[in-house]
Each structure stands twice: as structure tokens, then as C-alpha cells.
Amino acid sequence: MTETIAGIAVPDSALAAAVTELVREAAPPLLFHHSRRVYLFGMLQGLRRQVVADPELVYVGAMCHDLGLTDRFRTKDRRFEVDGAEAARELLTAHGVAPDAVRRVWTAIALHTTPGVPEFMEPEIALVTAGVETDVLGIGRADLSPQDLDAVTAAHPRPEFKRQILAAFHHGFRDRPESTFGTVNADVLARFEPGFARTDFVDVIEGNDWPE
């Protein structure tokens, strides 16, 4: 029987089952529940905006978007978003998903911390970011009904979520600080990593090898 939360059906295909199992195995409960909320909030925002997306692709994007924070999928030099996108690409390709669909999911994950861009792209890309923004930043939360918010958080609770997700971010890229240049991730290291110094965009321009 298809699971439905806040009126949103959770995909139950073989691909959806595989990504659910993958995230359960690789990620702590914090990220599993967060990722499921991202899917549900993203789809609810899609209904509100009258944006039609492929639920299965939104689900894979939502479930994989933070895999780059986990010990299993994190690398030492790439942005964590790219690590998650690559994990999703591998899974989707193994399940025979068409290249254009793989591209959309990859892009949705890679851009989910880049505000002001995904909302103008394909629906799957826009809704993964919308779900992230609702759950992490509270953007669009007031646009959803209290009943829907309660249903989602009852199914996937968020105790001490703000503190715990910040700790997960810090753990996920504290050893690759260069990867946070020009991203919101630098804010996390600036707050929680002693001795972290941001790379300054202006300094990079003024100090590079070009004579003028």
C-alpha cells in the first residue's frame, strides 16, 4: 500500500525503495528524517505553486541531497553537494534511468544550497530546493497549512533539529574548508570551526597572476 503523508504519496517503486534503503544505511536518523521532510515539503510547495514534477525524481533528489555529509559518500576536496549528486547519479544509472532525468536529479542536489537559481529551473530541481528551504530555513513554512506541517513532522519528527543539522554540516565539511568558498557553507565553518578564515573573493581577484 502506498504511504501517504499530508496528502502526498511517497513513491514505492523499486528505485524509491532502493534509495530509501541506501539512505537508511548510510545516514543517521537525523538526515533520513530530514530528507523525507524535504520531499514532502517540496511536493507540498509544488502543489501550492501549481508546479508539476516527477515525484520519483523529486524523491531521489530529496533523499540523496545530504549524502555528501555522510562518511560513506563524502570526499576530501569536492563540495558536499556534488558528493550527494554523484551518489544519486550512480544509483539512477544502475536502475536504467534516462540521462535527462539523471541530469535533473544531479542538478537538483548540486544546487540545493544555491539560493535564487533553482526556482527558475525544471520542476524537480525547483522542488528539491523548496523542500530544503522550508525544512532548514523556514522559507515558505507559513504558506503551508498547520495540518500539513503537523502531519509531516508527526511522521518525521525534528527534535533539536536546528542544533543537530548545524552539527552535521560542520562535521560534513570541516576537513575540506576550501570547498565552502563562495557558498553558504562557509557561514557554518565561520561560526563553529576555530581558526577558519574565509577565502575573500576580492582578494582572489586582486591577488591572482594577471598583472592588471
Protein backbone atom coordinates (compact mmCIF):
# COMPACT_ATOMS: atom_id res chain seq x y z
CA MET A 1 0.00 0.00 0.00
CA THR A 2 1.34 3.44 -0.96
CA GLU A 3 2.24 5.57 2.05
CA THR A 4 0.57 8.99 2.06
CA ILE A 5 1.58 11.84 4.37
CA ALA A 6 -0.18 15.22 4.33
CA GLY A 7 -1.89 14.10 1.13
CA ILE A 8 1.45 13.44 -0.58
CA ALA A 9 2.09 9.92 -1.85
CA VAL A 10 5.57 8.58 -1.13
CA PRO A 11 6.87 6.73 -4.21
CA ASP A 12 7.01 2.97 -3.77
CA SER A 13 8.83 1.91 -6.94
CA ALA A 14 11.90 -0.32 -6.91
CA LEU A 15 14.04 2.81 -7.36
CA ALA A 16 12.35 4.57 -4.44
CA ALA A 17 12.79 1.51 -2.24
CA ALA A 18 16.47 1.33 -3.18
CA VAL A 19 17.16 4.97 -2.35
CA THR A 20 15.26 4.68 0.93
CA GLU A 21 17.36 1.68 1.91
CA LEU A 22 20.56 3.44 0.83
CA VAL A 23 19.86 6.50 2.97
CA ARG A 24 18.81 4.39 5.97
CA GLU A 25 22.12 2.51 5.77
CA ALA A 26 24.44 5.44 5.04
CA ALA A 27 22.92 8.31 7.00
CA PRO A 28 21.95 8.84 10.64
CA PRO A 29 18.26 9.16 11.54
CA LEU A 30 18.66 12.95 11.57
CA LEU A 31 19.40 13.04 7.83
CA PHE A 32 16.92 10.30 6.95
CA HIS A 33 14.00 12.14 8.54
CA HIS A 34 15.21 15.49 7.20
CA SER A 35 15.42 14.09 3.67
CA ARG A 36 11.93 12.65 3.84
CA ARG A 37 10.61 16.00 5.05
CA VAL A 38 12.41 17.70 2.18
CA TYR A 39 10.49 15.51 -0.26
CA LEU A 40 7.15 16.09 1.45
CA PHE A 41 7.61 19.84 1.87
CA GLY A 42 8.91 20.14 -1.68
CA MET A 43 5.86 18.39 -3.10
CA LEU A 44 3.53 20.47 -0.91
CA GLN A 45 5.21 23.62 -2.17
CA GLY A 46 4.75 22.30 -5.70
CA LEU A 47 1.01 21.95 -5.12
CA ARG A 48 0.86 25.48 -3.78
CA ARG A 49 2.81 26.86 -6.73
CA GLN A 50 0.99 24.65 -9.24
CA VAL A 51 4.31 23.13 -10.30
CA VAL A 52 4.07 19.60 -11.66
CA ALA A 53 7.14 17.41 -11.15
CA ASP A 54 8.01 13.73 -11.37
CA PRO A 55 7.53 12.56 -7.75
CA GLU A 56 10.05 9.75 -8.09
CA LEU A 57 12.78 12.10 -9.25
CA VAL A 58 11.97 14.62 -6.53
CA TYR A 59 12.11 11.76 -4.02
CA VAL A 60 15.54 10.59 -5.16
CA GLY A 61 16.84 14.15 -5.16
CA ALA A 62 15.47 14.81 -1.69
CA MET A 63 16.74 11.54 -0.26
CA CYS A 64 20.25 11.92 -1.69
CA HIS A 65 20.75 15.64 -1.23
CA ASP A 66 22.75 15.34 2.01
CA LEU A 67 24.58 12.07 1.37
CA GLY A 68 27.75 14.10 0.85
CA LEU A 69 27.72 14.78 4.59
CA THR A 70 27.99 11.07 5.42
CA ASP A 71 31.21 9.15 5.97
CA ARG A 72 30.26 6.70 3.23
CA PHE A 73 29.93 9.27 0.43
CA ARG A 74 31.96 12.30 1.48
CA THR A 75 35.19 13.14 -0.33
CA LYS A 76 38.10 15.28 0.78
CA ASP A 77 38.01 18.01 -1.82
CA ARG A 78 34.62 18.39 -3.53
CA ARG A 79 31.61 20.32 -2.32
CA PHE A 80 29.36 18.03 -0.31
CA GLU A 81 26.51 18.80 -2.70
CA VAL A 82 28.49 17.26 -5.56
CA ASP A 83 29.21 14.15 -3.49
CA GLY A 84 25.48 13.66 -2.99
CA ALA A 85 24.75 14.35 -6.64
CA GLU A 86 27.29 11.75 -7.72
CA ALA A 87 25.79 9.17 -5.36
CA ALA A 88 22.38 9.81 -6.90
CA ARG A 89 23.80 9.56 -10.42
CA GLU A 90 25.29 6.16 -9.66
CA LEU A 91 22.02 4.85 -8.23
CA LEU A 92 19.87 6.23 -11.04
CA THR A 93 22.17 4.93 -13.75
CA ALA A 94 22.19 1.48 -12.17
CA HIS A 95 18.39 1.49 -12.36
CA GLY A 96 18.38 2.42 -16.04
CA VAL A 97 17.00 5.93 -15.61
CA ALA A 98 17.19 8.12 -18.72
CA PRO A 99 20.16 10.54 -18.91
CA ASP A 100 17.99 13.68 -18.90
CA ALA A 101 16.27 12.56 -15.70
CA VAL A 102 19.64 11.77 -14.15
CA ARG A 103 20.80 15.26 -15.07
CA ARG A 104 17.80 16.86 -13.40
CA VAL A 105 18.33 14.98 -10.16
CA TRP A 106 22.08 15.66 -10.22
CA THR A 107 21.44 19.37 -10.71
CA ALA A 108 18.76 19.48 -8.04
CA ILE A 109 21.20 18.14 -5.47
CA ALA A 110 24.20 20.15 -6.66
CA LEU A 111 22.27 23.43 -6.46
CA HIS A 112 20.20 22.88 -3.34
CA THR A 113 22.30 25.34 -1.32
CA THR A 114 22.42 27.96 -4.09
CA PRO A 115 19.51 30.34 -3.43
CA GLY A 116 17.85 32.30 -6.19
CA VAL A 117 18.64 29.90 -9.04
CA PRO A 118 16.82 26.52 -8.73
CA GLU A 119 13.36 28.07 -8.60
CA PHE A 120 13.76 29.10 -12.25
CA MET A 121 14.80 25.65 -13.44
CA GLU A 122 12.97 22.38 -14.11
CA PRO A 123 10.30 21.42 -11.54
CA GLU A 124 12.32 18.62 -9.96
CA ILE A 125 15.23 20.99 -9.37
CA ALA A 126 12.99 23.74 -8.02
CA LEU A 127 11.08 21.49 -5.62
CA VAL A 128 14.08 19.82 -4.02
CA THR A 129 15.41 23.26 -3.12
CA ALA A 130 11.95 24.38 -2.00
CA GLY A 131 11.79 21.42 0.38
CA VAL A 132 15.24 22.15 1.76
CA GLU A 133 14.43 25.82 2.24
CA THR A 134 11.21 25.01 4.08
CA ASP A 135 12.76 22.46 6.44
CA VAL A 136 16.10 24.17 7.14
CA LEU A 137 15.47 27.88 6.67
CA GLY A 138 11.73 28.11 7.28
CA ILE A 139 11.21 29.72 3.87
CA GLY A 140 7.65 29.02 2.76
CA ARG A 141 6.69 27.38 6.05
CA ALA A 142 3.98 29.96 6.68
CA ASP A 143 2.50 29.14 3.26
CA LEU A 144 1.70 25.57 4.30
CA SER A 145 -1.28 24.67 6.44
CA PRO A 146 -0.75 23.83 10.13
CA GLN A 147 -2.39 20.48 9.44
CA ASP A 148 0.11 19.59 6.75
CA LEU A 149 3.05 20.75 8.85
CA ASP A 150 1.82 18.66 11.77
CA ALA A 151 1.32 15.60 9.57
CA VAL A 152 4.83 15.80 8.14
CA THR A 153 6.55 16.37 11.46
CA ALA A 154 4.49 13.65 13.15
CA ALA A 155 5.72 11.15 10.56
CA HIS A 156 9.27 12.53 10.59
CA PRO A 157 9.96 14.41 13.83
CA ARG A 158 12.57 17.13 14.12
CA PRO A 159 13.68 17.28 17.78
CA GLU A 160 16.52 19.77 18.28
CA PHE A 161 16.81 19.88 14.51
CA LYS A 162 18.45 23.28 14.24
CA ARG A 163 21.31 22.32 16.52
CA GLN A 164 21.72 18.86 15.05
CA ILE A 165 21.69 19.86 11.39
CA LEU A 166 24.30 22.56 12.03
CA ALA A 167 26.47 19.94 13.73
CA ALA A 168 26.01 17.63 10.74
CA PHE A 169 27.02 20.39 8.35
CA HIS A 170 30.09 21.17 10.43
CA HIS A 171 31.12 17.52 10.56
CA GLY A 172 30.47 17.12 6.85
CA PHE A 173 32.91 19.70 5.53
CA ARG A 174 35.17 20.87 8.35
CA ASP A 175 38.07 18.93 6.80
CA ARG A 176 37.57 20.46 3.32
CA PRO A 177 37.17 24.16 4.11
CA GLU A 178 38.27 25.20 0.62
CA SER A 179 35.12 23.61 -0.77
CA THR A 180 32.99 26.20 1.04
CA PHE A 181 34.38 29.18 -0.91
CA GLY A 182 31.53 31.28 -2.26
CA THR A 183 28.83 29.19 -0.60
CA VAL A 184 26.53 29.41 2.42
CA ASN A 185 28.56 26.55 3.90
CA ALA A 186 31.31 29.00 4.81
CA ASP A 187 28.91 30.52 7.34
CA VAL A 188 28.85 27.23 9.25
CA LEU A 189 32.63 27.00 9.48
CA ALA A 190 32.89 30.68 10.40
CA ARG A 191 30.59 30.03 13.35
CA PHE A 192 31.79 26.63 14.56
CA GLU A 193 35.35 25.95 13.31
CA PRO A 194 38.09 27.69 15.34
CA GLY A 195 40.64 29.42 13.17
CA PHE A 196 38.62 29.22 9.97
CA ALA A 197 39.30 32.14 7.64
CA ARG A 198 37.06 32.74 4.66
CA THR A 199 38.59 32.98 1.22
CA ASP A 200 37.81 36.53 0.13
CA PHE A 201 36.53 36.88 -3.43
CA VAL A 202 38.00 40.35 -3.81
CA ASP A 203 41.40 39.14 -2.56
CA VAL A 204 41.34 36.33 -5.12
CA ILE A 205 40.70 38.79 -7.94
CA GLU A 206 43.28 41.32 -6.77
CA GLY A 207 45.92 38.74 -5.91
CA ASN A 208 45.82 36.40 -8.90
CA ASP A 209 48.56 36.09 -11.54
CA TRP A 210 47.11 38.57 -14.00
CA PRO A 211 49.23 41.77 -13.98
CA GLU A 212 46.16 44.04 -14.04
